[in-house]
Amino acid sequence: MTSTQDSHSFEWRYDQLDDKNFQIHGRTLFFIIVLFSVILLITLLFLYARWIGRSSSSSSSSSAAVSDSAAISAHVQPFSRPKGLDSAVIDSLPITLHRGVSRRADEPECCICLGVFEEGEKVKVLPQCSHCYHCECVDKWLTTNSSCPICRAALLVDSPV
């Protein structure tokens, strides 16, 4: 009989557990309130910092927009991405054959592809600075840029408006 009594003492049922009497007292309640307050304060400070950052950037962008409109009204164009050359201008650049000994000792290779110039290879020479490049390399470069890849010398002079 003792074994049946012992088995009843260890038998648990979930409906017997009662969470209705769960209470938080003293220091535990105080620490929960302090932790919640700190998290709320940090969140509010973060949101305030983002609001200040956005309002200052919008005011600076609005002042930049005013200065841009003033520049446009004064017939000065704002900074724009550099554009390449026309294919007719690119095709009109002089082409020479590379000789074994280059004219300048510091240009034995194309700085765009880093390939060494071979004997008798076609090389384009830029008129402003006399830098030499492989024809294919410099043609691709000049479709998106209007300057020398090494020294950035402008190949087209803009006509005054």
N, C-alpha and C. Protein backbone atom coordinates (compact mmCIF):
# COMPACT_ATOMS: atom_id res chain seq x y z
N MET A 1 0.79 -1.18 0.00
CA MET A 1 0.00 0.00 0.00
C MET A 1 0.84 1.26 0.00
N THR A 2 1.96 1.17 0.47
CA THR A 2 2.81 2.35 0.51
C THR A 2 3.22 2.79 -0.89
N SER A 3 3.32 1.87 -1.79
CA SER A 3 3.71 2.23 -3.15
C SER A 3 2.60 3.01 -3.84
N THR A 4 1.35 2.72 -3.59
CA THR A 4 0.25 3.47 -4.21
C THR A 4 0.16 4.86 -3.61
N GLN A 5 0.45 5.03 -2.37
CA GLN A 5 0.41 6.35 -1.76
C GLN A 5 1.54 7.22 -2.29
N ASP A 6 2.72 6.64 -2.52
CA ASP A 6 3.86 7.38 -3.03
C ASP A 6 3.61 7.81 -4.47
N SER A 7 2.96 6.99 -5.25
CA SER A 7 2.71 7.35 -6.64
C SER A 7 1.72 8.49 -6.74
N HIS A 8 0.79 8.60 -5.82
CA HIS A 8 -0.17 9.71 -5.83
C HIS A 8 0.49 11.02 -5.41
N SER A 9 1.48 10.98 -4.62
CA SER A 9 2.12 12.21 -4.16
C SER A 9 2.96 12.87 -5.26
N PHE A 10 3.43 12.10 -6.26
CA PHE A 10 4.24 12.65 -7.33
C PHE A 10 3.44 12.93 -8.61
N GLU A 11 2.21 12.71 -8.59
CA GLU A 11 1.39 12.90 -9.77
C GLU A 11 1.01 14.38 -9.89
N TRP A 12 1.36 14.99 -11.02
CA TRP A 12 1.05 16.40 -11.26
C TRP A 12 0.11 16.50 -12.43
N ARG A 13 -0.71 17.46 -12.37
CA ARG A 13 -1.60 17.75 -13.49
C ARG A 13 -1.51 19.25 -13.76
N TYR A 14 -1.56 19.59 -15.04
CA TYR A 14 -1.39 21.00 -15.40
C TYR A 14 -2.54 21.86 -14.91
N ASP A 15 -3.68 21.33 -14.77
CA ASP A 15 -4.80 22.15 -14.30
C ASP A 15 -4.70 22.45 -12.81
N GLN A 16 -3.82 21.75 -12.13
CA GLN A 16 -3.64 22.01 -10.71
C GLN A 16 -2.70 23.19 -10.48
N LEU A 17 -1.87 23.53 -11.47
CA LEU A 17 -0.97 24.67 -11.31
C LEU A 17 -1.79 25.93 -11.46
N ASP A 18 -1.67 26.85 -10.53
CA ASP A 18 -2.50 28.05 -10.53
C ASP A 18 -1.60 29.27 -10.65
N ASP A 19 -1.74 30.00 -11.79
CA ASP A 19 -0.96 31.22 -11.99
C ASP A 19 -1.72 32.46 -11.55
N LYS A 20 -2.87 32.29 -10.99
CA LYS A 20 -3.67 33.45 -10.58
C LYS A 20 -3.05 34.16 -9.38
N ASN A 21 -2.23 33.48 -8.65
CA ASN A 21 -1.63 34.08 -7.46
C ASN A 21 -0.21 34.59 -7.73
N PHE A 22 0.17 34.69 -9.02
CA PHE A 22 1.50 35.19 -9.37
C PHE A 22 1.57 36.67 -9.05
N GLN A 23 2.55 37.07 -8.24
CA GLN A 23 2.68 38.46 -7.83
C GLN A 23 4.15 38.87 -7.87
N ILE A 24 4.36 40.15 -8.22
CA ILE A 24 5.71 40.71 -8.21
C ILE A 24 5.74 41.77 -7.12
N HIS A 25 6.68 41.63 -6.20
CA HIS A 25 6.74 42.52 -5.05
C HIS A 25 8.13 43.14 -4.94
N GLY A 26 8.22 44.25 -4.27
CA GLY A 26 9.47 44.83 -3.81
C GLY A 26 10.44 45.23 -4.91
N ARG A 27 11.66 44.78 -4.76
CA ARG A 27 12.76 45.15 -5.66
C ARG A 27 12.51 44.68 -7.09
N THR A 28 11.91 43.55 -7.28
CA THR A 28 11.66 43.04 -8.63
C THR A 28 10.78 43.99 -9.41
N LEU A 29 9.73 44.47 -8.81
CA LEU A 29 8.84 45.43 -9.47
C LEU A 29 9.58 46.73 -9.76
N PHE A 30 10.40 47.19 -8.85
CA PHE A 30 11.17 48.41 -9.04
C PHE A 30 12.14 48.26 -10.22
N PHE A 31 12.86 47.14 -10.31
CA PHE A 31 13.81 46.93 -11.40
C PHE A 31 13.12 46.79 -12.76
N ILE A 32 11.95 46.19 -12.78
CA ILE A 32 11.20 46.08 -14.04
C ILE A 32 10.78 47.47 -14.52
N ILE A 33 10.30 48.32 -13.62
CA ILE A 33 9.90 49.68 -13.99
C ILE A 33 11.11 50.50 -14.45
N VAL A 34 12.24 50.39 -13.76
CA VAL A 34 13.44 51.13 -14.15
C VAL A 34 13.93 50.64 -15.52
N LEU A 35 13.96 49.36 -15.77
CA LEU A 35 14.40 48.81 -17.05
C LEU A 35 13.49 49.29 -18.18
N PHE A 36 12.20 49.24 -17.98
CA PHE A 36 11.26 49.73 -19.00
C PHE A 36 11.46 51.22 -19.26
N SER A 37 11.69 52.00 -18.21
CA SER A 37 11.90 53.45 -18.38
C SER A 37 13.18 53.73 -19.15
N VAL A 38 14.25 53.01 -18.87
CA VAL A 38 15.52 53.21 -19.58
C VAL A 38 15.35 52.86 -21.06
N ILE A 39 14.71 51.76 -21.38
CA ILE A 39 14.49 51.38 -22.78
C ILE A 39 13.64 52.42 -23.48
N LEU A 40 12.61 52.92 -22.82
CA LEU A 40 11.76 53.96 -23.41
C LEU A 40 12.54 55.24 -23.63
N LEU A 41 13.37 55.65 -22.68
CA LEU A 41 14.18 56.86 -22.82
C LEU A 41 15.18 56.73 -23.97
N ILE A 42 15.85 55.60 -24.10
CA ILE A 42 16.81 55.40 -25.19
C ILE A 42 16.10 55.43 -26.54
N THR A 43 14.93 54.81 -26.62
CA THR A 43 14.16 54.83 -27.87
C THR A 43 13.76 56.25 -28.24
N LEU A 44 13.29 57.02 -27.28
CA LEU A 44 12.90 58.40 -27.56
C LEU A 44 14.10 59.26 -27.98
N LEU A 45 15.26 59.07 -27.35
CA LEU A 45 16.46 59.81 -27.73
C LEU A 45 16.90 59.45 -29.14
N PHE A 46 16.83 58.18 -29.49
CA PHE A 46 17.18 57.74 -30.83
C PHE A 46 16.25 58.37 -31.87
N LEU A 47 14.95 58.35 -31.61
CA LEU A 47 13.99 58.95 -32.55
C LEU A 47 14.20 60.46 -32.66
N TYR A 48 14.52 61.12 -31.55
CA TYR A 48 14.77 62.56 -31.58
C TYR A 48 16.02 62.88 -32.40
N ALA A 49 17.07 62.07 -32.23
CA ALA A 49 18.31 62.28 -33.00
C ALA A 49 18.05 62.09 -34.49
N ARG A 50 17.27 61.10 -34.88
CA ARG A 50 16.93 60.90 -36.30
C ARG A 50 16.11 62.07 -36.83
N TRP A 51 15.19 62.57 -36.03
CA TRP A 51 14.36 63.70 -36.45
C TRP A 51 15.21 64.95 -36.66
N ILE A 52 16.14 65.20 -35.75
CA ILE A 52 17.06 66.35 -35.89
C ILE A 52 17.92 66.19 -37.12
N GLY A 53 18.45 64.99 -37.35
CA GLY A 53 19.29 64.74 -38.52
C GLY A 53 18.54 64.95 -39.82
N ARG A 54 17.30 64.50 -39.88
CA ARG A 54 16.52 64.68 -41.11
C ARG A 54 16.12 66.13 -41.32
N SER A 55 15.78 66.83 -40.27
CA SER A 55 15.37 68.22 -40.44
C SER A 55 16.56 69.09 -40.84
N SER A 56 17.76 68.79 -40.32
CA SER A 56 18.93 69.58 -40.72
C SER A 56 19.35 69.26 -42.14
N SER A 57 19.22 67.99 -42.56
CA SER A 57 19.58 67.65 -43.94
C SER A 57 18.56 68.21 -44.92
N SER A 58 17.30 68.26 -44.54
CA SER A 58 16.30 68.84 -45.44
C SER A 58 16.46 70.35 -45.54
N SER A 59 16.88 71.00 -44.46
CA SER A 59 17.10 72.44 -44.54
C SER A 59 18.34 72.75 -45.36
N SER A 60 19.37 71.91 -45.24
CA SER A 60 20.57 72.14 -46.04
C SER A 60 20.30 71.83 -47.50
N SER A 61 19.46 70.82 -47.79
CA SER A 61 19.14 70.53 -49.18
C SER A 61 18.24 71.61 -49.76
N SER A 62 17.38 72.21 -48.94
CA SER A 62 16.56 73.30 -49.46
C SER A 62 17.41 74.54 -49.73
N SER A 63 18.42 74.78 -48.89
CA SER A 63 19.31 75.91 -49.16
C SER A 63 20.17 75.63 -50.38
N ALA A 64 20.55 74.35 -50.57
CA ALA A 64 21.30 73.99 -51.76
C ALA A 64 20.44 74.14 -53.00
N ALA A 65 19.15 73.85 -52.87
CA ALA A 65 18.24 74.01 -54.01
C ALA A 65 18.10 75.49 -54.36
N VAL A 66 18.08 76.35 -53.36
CA VAL A 66 18.01 77.79 -53.62
C VAL A 66 19.28 78.25 -54.32
N SER A 67 20.45 77.77 -53.87
CA SER A 67 21.69 78.18 -54.51
C SER A 67 21.79 77.61 -55.91
N ASP A 68 21.27 76.38 -56.14
CA ASP A 68 21.26 75.80 -57.47
C ASP A 68 20.38 76.60 -58.42
N SER A 69 19.21 77.02 -57.93
CA SER A 69 18.34 77.80 -58.80
C SER A 69 18.96 79.16 -59.10
N ALA A 70 19.70 79.72 -58.15
CA ALA A 70 20.39 80.98 -58.40
C ALA A 70 21.50 80.79 -59.43
N ALA A 71 22.18 79.65 -59.36
CA ALA A 71 23.24 79.38 -60.32
C ALA A 71 22.68 79.19 -61.72
N ILE A 72 21.55 78.51 -61.82
CA ILE A 72 20.93 78.30 -63.13
C ILE A 72 20.44 79.63 -63.69
N SER A 73 19.89 80.46 -62.83
CA SER A 73 19.40 81.75 -63.32
C SER A 73 20.55 82.65 -63.75
N ALA A 74 21.73 82.42 -63.22
CA ALA A 74 22.90 83.21 -63.61
C ALA A 74 23.63 82.58 -64.80
N HIS A 75 23.00 81.62 -65.48
CA HIS A 75 23.55 80.94 -66.65
C HIS A 75 24.83 80.16 -66.34
N VAL A 76 24.95 79.69 -65.11
CA VAL A 76 26.06 78.84 -64.73
C VAL A 76 25.46 77.46 -64.47
N GLN A 77 25.94 76.47 -65.18
CA GLN A 77 25.37 75.15 -65.02
C GLN A 77 25.95 74.48 -63.79
N PRO A 78 25.10 73.79 -63.00
CA PRO A 78 25.62 73.08 -61.83
C PRO A 78 26.47 71.90 -62.28
N PHE A 79 27.22 71.34 -61.33
CA PHE A 79 28.11 70.23 -61.63
C PHE A 79 27.31 69.08 -62.24
N SER A 80 27.78 68.58 -63.34
CA SER A 80 27.15 67.43 -63.98
C SER A 80 28.21 66.39 -64.29
N ARG A 81 27.77 65.18 -64.51
CA ARG A 81 28.69 64.10 -64.81
C ARG A 81 29.35 64.36 -66.16
N PRO A 82 30.67 64.20 -66.25
CA PRO A 82 31.34 64.44 -67.53
C PRO A 82 30.83 63.46 -68.58
N LYS A 83 30.72 63.95 -69.80
CA LYS A 83 30.22 63.14 -70.90
C LYS A 83 31.35 62.79 -71.83
N GLY A 84 31.15 61.74 -72.59
CA GLY A 84 32.17 61.29 -73.52
C GLY A 84 32.14 62.08 -74.82
N LEU A 85 33.03 61.68 -75.71
CA LEU A 85 33.16 62.34 -77.00
C LEU A 85 32.29 61.65 -78.04
N ASP A 86 31.98 62.37 -79.11
CA ASP A 86 31.26 61.78 -80.24
C ASP A 86 32.16 60.78 -80.94
N SER A 87 31.56 59.82 -81.59
CA SER A 87 32.35 58.80 -82.30
C SER A 87 33.15 59.42 -83.45
N ALA A 88 32.63 60.50 -84.05
CA ALA A 88 33.37 61.17 -85.14
C ALA A 88 34.66 61.80 -84.61
N VAL A 89 34.59 62.38 -83.42
CA VAL A 89 35.78 62.99 -82.81
C VAL A 89 36.77 61.91 -82.42
N ILE A 90 36.27 60.81 -81.88
CA ILE A 90 37.16 59.70 -81.48
C ILE A 90 37.86 59.13 -82.70
N ASP A 91 37.12 58.97 -83.80
CA ASP A 91 37.71 58.41 -85.02
C ASP A 91 38.72 59.37 -85.66
N SER A 92 38.60 60.67 -85.38
CA SER A 92 39.51 61.64 -85.99
C SER A 92 40.85 61.74 -85.26
N LEU A 93 41.00 61.08 -84.11
CA LEU A 93 42.27 61.14 -83.39
C LEU A 93 43.34 60.40 -84.18
N PRO A 94 44.58 60.90 -84.16
CA PRO A 94 45.65 60.29 -84.97
C PRO A 94 46.04 58.90 -84.47
N ILE A 95 46.28 58.01 -85.43
CA ILE A 95 46.73 56.65 -85.13
C ILE A 95 48.13 56.48 -85.72
N THR A 96 49.04 55.96 -84.92
CA THR A 96 50.40 55.70 -85.39
C THR A 96 50.75 54.25 -85.12
N LEU A 97 51.80 53.78 -85.74
CA LEU A 97 52.31 52.44 -85.48
C LEU A 97 53.40 52.53 -84.43
N HIS A 98 53.32 51.66 -83.46
CA HIS A 98 54.30 51.68 -82.38
C HIS A 98 55.62 51.09 -82.88
N ARG A 99 56.70 51.76 -82.53
CA ARG A 99 58.04 51.27 -82.88
C ARG A 99 58.64 50.61 -81.65
N GLY A 100 59.64 49.81 -81.84
CA GLY A 100 60.27 49.06 -80.75
C GLY A 100 60.75 49.96 -79.63
N VAL A 101 61.32 51.09 -79.97
CA VAL A 101 61.78 52.04 -78.97
C VAL A 101 60.76 53.16 -78.95
N SER A 102 60.08 53.33 -77.85
CA SER A 102 59.04 54.36 -77.79
C SER A 102 59.68 55.74 -77.71
N ARG A 103 58.88 56.73 -78.05
CA ARG A 103 59.40 58.10 -78.00
C ARG A 103 59.75 58.50 -76.58
N ARG A 104 58.95 58.05 -75.65
CA ARG A 104 59.20 58.38 -74.26
C ARG A 104 59.41 57.10 -73.48
N ALA A 105 60.40 57.07 -72.64
CA ALA A 105 60.75 55.86 -71.92
C ALA A 105 59.71 55.50 -70.87
N ASP A 106 58.89 56.46 -70.41
CA ASP A 106 57.92 56.18 -69.34
C ASP A 106 56.58 55.68 -69.88
N GLU A 107 56.42 55.46 -71.19
CA GLU A 107 55.16 54.98 -71.74
C GLU A 107 55.32 53.72 -72.59
N PRO A 108 55.87 52.66 -72.03
CA PRO A 108 55.99 51.44 -72.83
C PRO A 108 54.71 50.62 -72.85
N GLU A 109 53.68 51.03 -72.10
CA GLU A 109 52.46 50.25 -72.02
C GLU A 109 51.23 51.15 -72.00
N CYS A 110 50.12 50.56 -72.34
CA CYS A 110 48.83 51.25 -72.30
C CYS A 110 48.36 51.29 -70.85
N CYS A 111 48.11 52.46 -70.32
CA CYS A 111 47.75 52.55 -68.91
C CYS A 111 46.30 52.12 -68.66
N ILE A 112 45.52 51.94 -69.70
CA ILE A 112 44.13 51.50 -69.50
C ILE A 112 44.08 49.99 -69.29
N CYS A 113 44.69 49.24 -70.20
CA CYS A 113 44.65 47.77 -70.07
C CYS A 113 45.94 47.21 -69.48
N LEU A 114 46.95 48.05 -69.31
CA LEU A 114 48.26 47.68 -68.79
C LEU A 114 48.99 46.68 -69.69
N GLY A 115 48.60 46.65 -70.96
CA GLY A 115 49.29 45.80 -71.92
C GLY A 115 50.47 46.52 -72.53
N VAL A 116 51.54 45.80 -72.76
CA VAL A 116 52.75 46.38 -73.33
C VAL A 116 52.54 46.56 -74.83
N PHE A 117 53.00 47.70 -75.36
CA PHE A 117 52.88 47.95 -76.79
C PHE A 117 53.81 47.02 -77.56
N GLU A 118 53.27 46.35 -78.57
CA GLU A 118 54.05 45.45 -79.42
C GLU A 118 54.57 46.21 -80.64
N GLU A 119 55.58 45.66 -81.26
CA GLU A 119 56.16 46.27 -82.46
C GLU A 119 55.12 46.30 -83.58
N GLY A 120 54.89 47.47 -84.17
CA GLY A 120 53.97 47.64 -85.28
C GLY A 120 52.50 47.69 -84.89
N GLU A 121 52.20 47.76 -83.62
CA GLU A 121 50.81 47.81 -83.15
C GLU A 121 50.25 49.22 -83.34
N LYS A 122 48.94 49.30 -83.67
CA LYS A 122 48.31 50.60 -83.85
C LYS A 122 48.08 51.24 -82.49
N VAL A 123 48.50 52.50 -82.38
CA VAL A 123 48.41 53.23 -81.13
C VAL A 123 47.78 54.59 -81.42
N LYS A 124 46.80 54.99 -80.57
CA LYS A 124 46.21 56.32 -80.72
C LYS A 124 46.97 57.29 -79.84
N VAL A 125 47.26 58.46 -80.42
CA VAL A 125 47.98 59.51 -79.70
C VAL A 125 46.99 60.65 -79.46
N LEU A 126 46.85 61.04 -78.20
CA LEU A 126 45.94 62.14 -77.89
C LEU A 126 46.63 63.46 -78.20
N PRO A 127 45.93 64.39 -78.88
CA PRO A 127 46.58 65.61 -79.37
C PRO A 127 47.01 66.59 -78.28
N GLN A 128 46.31 66.68 -77.18
CA GLN A 128 46.63 67.67 -76.15
C GLN A 128 47.90 67.33 -75.37
N CYS A 129 48.08 66.05 -75.09
CA CYS A 129 49.17 65.66 -74.19
C CYS A 129 50.14 64.65 -74.79
N SER A 130 49.84 64.10 -75.96
CA SER A 130 50.66 63.12 -76.66
C SER A 130 50.81 61.79 -75.94
N HIS A 131 49.87 61.46 -75.06
CA HIS A 131 49.88 60.14 -74.43
C HIS A 131 49.35 59.12 -75.43
N CYS A 132 49.90 57.91 -75.38
CA CYS A 132 49.56 56.85 -76.34
C CYS A 132 48.80 55.73 -75.65
N TYR A 133 47.82 55.16 -76.37
CA TYR A 133 46.98 54.08 -75.85
C TYR A 133 46.66 53.12 -77.00
N HIS A 134 46.27 51.90 -76.67
CA HIS A 134 45.71 51.01 -77.67
C HIS A 134 44.42 51.64 -78.19
N CYS A 135 44.15 51.48 -79.48
CA CYS A 135 42.98 52.10 -80.09
C CYS A 135 41.69 51.67 -79.42
N GLU A 136 41.53 50.37 -79.19
CA GLU A 136 40.29 49.85 -78.59
C GLU A 136 40.11 50.38 -77.17
N CYS A 137 41.19 50.43 -76.43
CA CYS A 137 41.13 50.86 -75.02
C CYS A 137 40.70 52.32 -74.91
N VAL A 138 41.38 53.18 -75.65
CA VAL A 138 41.09 54.60 -75.53
C VAL A 138 39.74 54.94 -76.16
N ASP A 139 39.31 54.19 -77.17
CA ASP A 139 37.99 54.43 -77.76
C ASP A 139 36.89 54.15 -76.74
N LYS A 140 37.01 53.05 -76.01
CA LYS A 140 36.03 52.76 -74.95
C LYS A 140 36.05 53.83 -73.87
N TRP A 141 37.25 54.27 -73.50
CA TRP A 141 37.38 55.30 -72.46
C TRP A 141 36.72 56.61 -72.92
N LEU A 142 36.99 57.01 -74.14
CA LEU A 142 36.51 58.31 -74.62
C LEU A 142 35.01 58.32 -74.91
N THR A 143 34.36 57.17 -74.98
CA THR A 143 32.90 57.18 -75.13
C THR A 143 32.22 57.63 -73.85
N THR A 144 32.89 57.50 -72.71
CA THR A 144 32.30 57.92 -71.43
C THR A 144 33.03 59.10 -70.80
N ASN A 145 34.23 59.41 -71.26
CA ASN A 145 35.02 60.51 -70.69
C ASN A 145 35.58 61.37 -71.82
N SER A 146 35.79 62.63 -71.52
CA SER A 146 36.33 63.53 -72.55
C SER A 146 37.71 64.05 -72.18
N SER A 147 38.46 63.24 -71.43
CA SER A 147 39.79 63.67 -71.00
C SER A 147 40.77 62.51 -71.10
N CYS A 148 42.03 62.83 -71.01
CA CYS A 148 43.09 61.82 -71.05
C CYS A 148 43.03 60.98 -69.77
N PRO A 149 43.15 59.67 -69.86
CA PRO A 149 43.11 58.83 -68.66
C PRO A 149 44.27 59.08 -67.69
N ILE A 150 45.42 59.52 -68.19
CA ILE A 150 46.56 59.73 -67.31
C ILE A 150 46.54 61.12 -66.69
N CYS A 151 46.54 62.16 -67.53
CA CYS A 151 46.72 63.52 -67.01
C CYS A 151 45.42 64.31 -66.94
N ARG A 152 44.33 63.75 -67.42
CA ARG A 152 43.00 64.38 -67.41
C ARG A 152 42.94 65.66 -68.23
N ALA A 153 43.81 65.80 -69.20
CA ALA A 153 43.74 66.95 -70.09
C ALA A 153 42.48 66.85 -70.93
N ALA A 154 41.73 67.94 -71.02
CA ALA A 154 40.49 67.95 -71.79
C ALA A 154 40.78 67.85 -73.28
N LEU A 155 40.05 66.98 -73.95
CA LEU A 155 40.26 66.82 -75.38
C LEU A 155 39.38 67.75 -76.20
N LEU A 156 38.30 68.22 -75.63
CA LEU A 156 37.43 69.18 -76.31
C LEU A 156 37.37 70.44 -75.48
N VAL A 157 37.49 71.57 -76.13
CA VAL A 157 37.37 72.85 -75.45
C VAL A 157 35.95 73.32 -75.66
N ASP A 158 35.23 73.53 -74.54
CA ASP A 158 33.85 73.98 -74.64
C ASP A 158 33.79 75.38 -75.19
N SER A 159 32.92 75.58 -76.13
CA SER A 159 32.77 76.93 -76.69
C SER A 159 32.01 77.79 -75.71
N PRO A 160 32.38 79.08 -75.57
CA PRO A 160 31.70 79.96 -74.62
C PRO A 160 30.26 80.19 -75.06
N VAL A 161 29.35 80.15 -74.10
CA VAL A 161 27.93 80.33 -74.39
C VAL A 161 27.55 81.78 -74.22
